Protein backbone atom coordinates (compact mmCIF):
# COMPACT_ATOMS: atom_id res chain seq x y z
CA MET A 1 78.40 11.59 107.68
CA PHE A 2 78.53 15.37 107.21
CA VAL A 3 81.47 16.91 105.88
CA ARG A 4 83.50 18.93 108.55
CA ASP A 5 83.23 22.36 106.99
CA LEU A 6 79.54 22.00 106.18
CA LEU A 7 78.70 25.34 108.10
CA LYS A 8 82.02 27.03 107.65
CA GLU A 9 81.83 30.63 108.69
CA ARG A 10 78.12 30.36 109.21
CA VAL A 11 76.86 32.10 112.44
CA ALA A 12 74.46 30.20 114.75
CA VAL A 13 72.60 31.29 117.73
CA VAL A 14 71.48 28.43 120.09
CA THR A 15 69.10 29.35 122.98
CA GLY A 16 68.97 27.01 125.99
CA GLY A 17 72.36 25.86 124.66
CA GLY A 18 74.19 25.37 127.96
CA THR A 19 72.96 21.76 128.76
CA GLY A 20 71.19 18.73 127.32
CA ILE A 21 69.90 18.78 123.67
CA GLY A 22 70.87 22.49 123.11
CA LEU A 23 74.46 21.98 124.06
CA ALA A 24 74.63 18.63 121.88
CA ILE A 25 73.18 20.88 118.88
CA ALA A 26 75.70 23.59 119.63
CA GLU A 27 78.62 21.20 119.64
CA SER A 28 77.42 19.55 116.36
CA LEU A 29 77.20 22.91 114.67
CA SER A 30 80.57 23.95 116.11
CA ALA A 31 82.09 20.73 114.99
CA HIS A 32 80.99 21.34 111.43
CA GLY A 33 82.52 24.81 111.14
CA ALA A 34 79.86 27.35 112.50
CA HIS A 35 80.63 30.22 114.90
CA VAL A 36 78.35 29.45 117.68
CA VAL A 37 76.54 31.94 120.07
CA LEU A 38 75.05 30.19 123.34
CA ALA A 39 72.32 32.20 125.00
CA ALA A 40 70.51 31.34 128.36
CA ARG A 41 69.90 32.91 131.73
CA GLN A 42 72.81 31.14 133.60
CA LEU A 43 76.05 32.73 132.19
CA GLU A 44 78.47 30.75 134.26
CA ARG A 45 77.14 27.49 132.77
CA LEU A 46 77.14 28.89 129.26
CA GLU A 47 80.73 30.04 129.45
CA ALA A 48 81.74 26.44 130.59
CA ALA A 49 79.72 25.05 127.64
CA ALA A 50 81.17 27.67 125.12
CA ALA A 51 84.77 26.90 126.31
CA GLY A 52 84.28 23.10 125.42
CA LEU A 53 82.86 23.48 121.81
CA PRO A 54 84.83 21.39 119.52
CA GLY A 55 84.98 23.38 116.39
CA PRO A 56 87.44 25.71 114.58
CA GLY A 57 85.07 28.64 114.84
CA ARG A 58 84.52 31.02 117.48
CA ALA A 59 82.19 30.35 120.57
CA LEU A 60 80.55 33.14 122.55
CA ALA A 61 78.19 32.94 125.68
CA VAL A 62 75.62 35.72 126.13
CA ARG A 63 73.26 35.86 129.14
CA ALA A 64 69.82 36.44 127.86
CA ASP A 65 66.25 35.79 129.18
CA VAL A 66 64.47 34.96 125.97
CA SER A 67 61.01 35.89 127.67
CA GLU A 68 62.29 39.57 127.76
CA PRO A 69 62.18 41.21 124.32
CA GLU A 70 64.74 43.86 125.37
CA GLU A 71 67.19 41.08 126.42
CA VAL A 72 66.66 39.38 123.12
CA ARG A 73 67.15 42.58 121.22
CA SER A 74 70.49 43.02 123.12
CA LEU A 75 71.53 39.56 122.31
CA PHE A 76 71.18 40.00 118.49
CA GLU A 77 72.86 43.42 118.78
CA ARG A 78 75.82 41.63 120.38
CA VAL A 79 75.81 39.03 117.61
CA ASP A 80 75.75 41.93 115.30
CA SER A 81 78.80 43.56 116.77
CA GLU A 82 80.84 40.36 117.08
CA PHE A 83 80.01 38.55 113.81
CA GLY A 84 77.98 40.98 111.46
CA ARG A 85 75.36 38.53 110.64
CA VAL A 86 73.11 35.54 111.88
CA ASP A 87 72.64 32.52 109.56
CA VAL A 88 71.12 29.93 111.88
CA LEU A 89 68.87 30.30 114.84
CA VAL A 90 67.88 27.22 116.92
CA ASN A 91 65.00 27.99 119.40
CA ASN A 92 65.64 25.55 122.18
CA ALA A 93 64.99 27.48 125.47
CA ALA A 94 62.04 25.78 127.24
CA ALA A 95 60.21 25.65 130.51
CA ASN A 96 58.05 22.84 131.77
CA PHE A 97 56.33 21.22 134.63
CA ILE A 98 53.68 18.49 135.28
CA ARG A 99 50.63 19.71 137.07
CA PRO A 100 46.75 19.03 136.91
CA SER A 101 45.31 21.84 134.83
CA GLU A 102 42.78 22.79 137.53
CA THR A 103 45.55 23.69 139.91
CA LEU A 104 47.48 26.01 137.45
CA THR A 105 47.86 29.57 138.43
CA PRO A 106 48.20 32.62 136.14
CA VAL A 107 51.86 33.11 137.15
CA ARG A 108 52.84 29.47 136.32
CA TRP A 109 50.88 29.67 132.91
CA ARG A 110 52.58 32.86 131.92
CA LYS A 111 56.02 31.56 132.94
CA VAL A 112 56.05 28.86 130.41
CA VAL A 113 54.10 30.51 127.61
CA ASP A 114 56.42 33.68 127.92
CA ILE A 115 59.64 31.30 127.58
CA VAL A 116 58.27 28.80 124.97
CA LEU A 117 56.03 30.88 122.79
CA ASN A 118 56.80 34.50 123.19
CA GLY A 119 60.55 33.70 123.65
CA THR A 120 60.54 31.86 120.29
CA PHE A 121 58.66 34.68 118.67
CA TYR A 122 61.01 37.37 120.01
CA CYS A 123 64.09 35.48 118.81
CA THR A 124 62.74 34.43 115.64
CA LEU A 125 61.52 38.11 114.76
CA GLU A 126 65.02 39.53 115.65
CA ALA A 127 66.94 36.75 113.74
CA GLY A 128 64.37 36.81 110.80
CA ARG A 129 64.62 40.50 110.14
CA ARG A 130 68.33 40.08 109.74
CA MET A 131 68.12 36.96 107.52
CA ILE A 132 65.48 38.62 105.24
CA ARG A 133 67.95 41.53 104.53
CA GLN A 134 70.81 39.01 103.80
CA LYS A 135 68.35 36.94 101.70
CA ALA A 136 69.33 33.71 103.53
CA GLY A 137 68.88 31.98 106.84
CA ARG A 138 67.59 28.94 108.82
CA VAL A 139 65.21 28.97 111.82
CA ILE A 140 64.77 25.81 113.59
CA SER A 141 62.68 25.31 116.63
CA LEU A 142 62.30 22.35 119.22
CA VAL A 143 58.59 21.31 119.74
CA ALA A 144 56.93 18.28 121.17
CA SER A 145 54.21 15.93 119.66
CA TYR A 146 51.78 16.82 122.57
CA ALA A 147 51.39 20.08 120.70
CA TRP A 148 48.96 18.26 118.41
CA THR A 149 47.96 15.25 120.61
CA GLY A 150 47.55 17.03 123.76
CA GLY A 151 49.32 16.24 126.95
CA PRO A 152 47.66 15.55 130.24
CA GLY A 153 49.44 17.55 132.93
CA LEU A 154 51.43 19.59 130.26
CA LEU A 155 48.78 22.16 129.43
CA PRO A 156 51.00 25.39 129.39
CA SER A 157 53.69 23.54 127.45
CA ALA A 158 51.40 21.91 125.09
CA SER A 159 49.62 25.10 124.25
CA ALA A 160 52.82 27.06 123.90
CA LYS A 161 54.43 24.38 121.71
CA ALA A 162 51.21 24.39 119.57
CA GLY A 163 51.66 28.07 118.98
CA VAL A 164 55.40 27.45 117.90
CA VAL A 165 54.10 24.83 115.42
CA ALA A 166 51.60 27.34 113.95
CA MET A 167 54.31 30.09 113.89
CA THR A 168 56.85 27.60 112.03
CA ARG A 169 54.22 26.84 109.35
CA THR A 170 53.13 30.34 108.93
CA LEU A 171 56.59 31.93 108.72
CA GLY A 172 57.74 29.17 106.54
CA VAL A 173 55.32 30.41 103.89
CA GLU A 174 55.82 34.14 104.50
CA TRP A 175 59.66 34.06 104.51
CA ALA A 176 60.33 31.35 101.80
CA ALA A 177 60.64 33.97 99.05
CA HIS A 178 63.39 35.66 101.02
CA GLY A 179 65.52 32.58 101.24
CA VAL A 180 64.77 32.09 104.86
CA CYS A 181 63.73 28.40 105.84
CA VAL A 182 61.67 27.93 108.96
CA ASN A 183 61.33 24.43 110.31
CA ALA A 184 60.84 22.61 113.55
CA VAL A 185 62.22 19.44 115.09
CA CYS A 186 59.98 17.26 117.17
CA PRO A 187 62.02 14.84 119.38
CA GLY A 188 60.43 12.04 121.31
CA LEU A 189 61.71 10.59 124.54
CA VAL A 190 65.37 11.64 124.67
CA ASP A 191 67.59 10.26 127.53
CA THR A 192 69.63 12.86 129.11
CA PRO A 193 71.01 13.38 132.44
CA GLN A 194 68.31 16.09 133.05
CA SER A 195 65.31 13.94 131.97
CA ARG A 196 66.78 11.00 133.94
CA GLU A 197 66.90 13.16 137.16
CA ARG A 198 63.50 14.81 136.66
CA LEU A 199 61.21 12.80 134.53
CA TRP A 200 62.31 9.05 134.83
CA PRO A 201 64.64 8.63 137.71
CA GLN A 202 63.59 5.07 138.31
CA ASP A 203 64.08 1.95 136.23
CA TRP A 204 60.27 0.95 136.33
CA MET A 205 59.36 4.41 134.94
CA ARG A 206 61.85 4.09 132.04
CA ALA A 207 60.58 0.62 131.16
CA ALA A 208 56.82 1.84 131.34
CA LEU A 209 57.59 4.76 128.92
CA LEU A 210 59.36 2.46 126.38
CA GLU A 211 56.36 0.29 126.14
CA GLY A 212 54.85 3.09 124.10
CA VAL A 213 57.87 3.41 121.75
CA PRO A 214 57.73 1.02 118.74
CA ALA A 215 61.56 1.47 118.38
CA GLY A 216 62.06 0.09 121.89
CA ARG A 217 64.51 2.62 123.02
CA PHE A 218 65.16 6.18 124.05
CA GLY A 219 66.43 8.60 121.47
CA THR A 220 69.85 10.37 121.82
CA GLU A 221 70.81 14.12 122.05
CA GLU A 222 73.31 13.33 119.10
CA GLU A 223 70.39 12.00 116.92
CA VAL A 224 68.50 15.26 117.43
CA ALA A 225 71.51 17.40 116.82
CA SER A 226 72.20 15.53 113.55
CA LEU A 227 68.71 16.43 112.25
CA VAL A 228 69.24 20.07 113.32
CA LEU A 229 72.50 20.19 111.57
CA TYR A 230 70.87 18.81 108.42
CA LEU A 231 68.03 21.51 108.51
CA ALA A 232 70.76 24.22 109.20
CA SER A 233 72.84 23.12 106.15
CA PRO A 234 72.53 24.08 102.46
CA MET A 235 71.11 20.62 101.89
CA ALA A 236 67.76 21.59 103.31
CA GLY A 237 67.34 24.73 101.25
CA TYR A 238 64.19 23.58 99.75
CA MET A 239 62.52 22.54 102.96
CA THR A 240 60.49 25.00 104.99
CA GLY A 241 57.29 25.21 107.03
CA GLU A 242 57.79 21.52 108.21
CA VAL A 243 57.57 19.81 111.57
CA VAL A 244 60.00 16.76 111.49
CA VAL A 245 59.25 14.12 114.06
CA MET A 246 61.76 11.72 115.30
CA ASP A 247 60.50 9.67 118.09
CA GLY A 248 60.94 6.06 117.33
CA GLY A 249 57.25 5.82 116.18
CA GLN A 250 55.80 6.85 119.51
CA SER A 251 53.31 9.55 118.28
CA LEU A 252 52.02 6.91 115.77
CA GLY A 253 51.43 3.98 118.05
CA ARG A 254 50.60 5.97 121.35
CA GLY A 255 50.71 2.94 123.40
CA ALA A 256 48.70 0.56 121.18
CA LEU A 257 51.68 -1.39 120.10
CA ALA A 258 52.30 -2.57 123.70
CA LEU A 259 48.59 -3.55 124.13
CA ILE A 260 48.37 -5.65 121.13
CA ARG A 261 51.70 -7.20 121.79
CA ARG A 262 50.36 -8.27 125.12
CA ALA A 263 47.25 -9.50 123.50
CA GLY A 264 49.23 -11.71 121.23
CA VAL A 265 48.13 -10.24 118.02
CA ILE A 266 51.62 -9.59 116.99
CA ARG A 267 55.05 -10.85 118.30
CA ARG A 268 58.12 -8.95 119.02
CA ARG A 269 60.20 -10.78 116.73
CA PRO A 270 58.79 -12.36 113.49
CA GLN A 271 58.80 -16.19 113.40
CA ALA A 272 60.34 -17.92 110.27
CA LEU A 273 57.64 -19.53 108.10
CA SER A 274 57.76 -23.41 107.90
CA GLN A 275 58.98 -25.20 104.78
CA GLY A 276 55.60 -26.44 104.28
CA GLY A 277 53.92 -23.20 103.47
CA PRO A 278 51.89 -20.51 105.45
């Protein structure tokens, strides 16, 4: 259990913070004392989210398209004018779709890469320059395991997320001497209203996906938010350049566990040994 004032008076910027995992992260940071700035393209949704944040600090909604460097610059200038500093940046804004790679168009490729990779770079650079001046800060980006395993049908996102992983490791080294920690969180299958609607709307889809998760369940938004909270806190001050995976073992097994279970090599629950020996 984290203490309530863990991030008291810290200023956190969360991109893509109006719904889903981004909103859960914003709620967690707010509940633990941070002033929270929510940034995304739909201002009305952001304002509703900001109004519902639970903490004692201020909440601010700012419309910003992270794929546009001028809008990102304006976002951080607004943060400067309202709070005078930025202590935590959470790069959560994303774009994705599933499509055979041979059917991709340059427009669709650029759209995903501009938001996921370029948007993360623009936000990280604006926040990082400020953090370097103040000799402290945390940058936390959301990635996916297909950044290193590959993801059939997800080529633009996989390529962009791989770039974010490389950015995280590079800046983790470059900025460590300035007191700025740069890390990434890699969630597995997280069950949100958005993912249920767009990715696994039917029960058989959910069951098929969980066959490849050794933990046997979906992750939750709150679990991801708790990990981000830790990385944003003073407790993670010696951790930088890392990609922390929390996926119930999915990226390790990659479906093999379901196969060997069906083949009878291992059982779902261990059987007690008999009194007579093995």
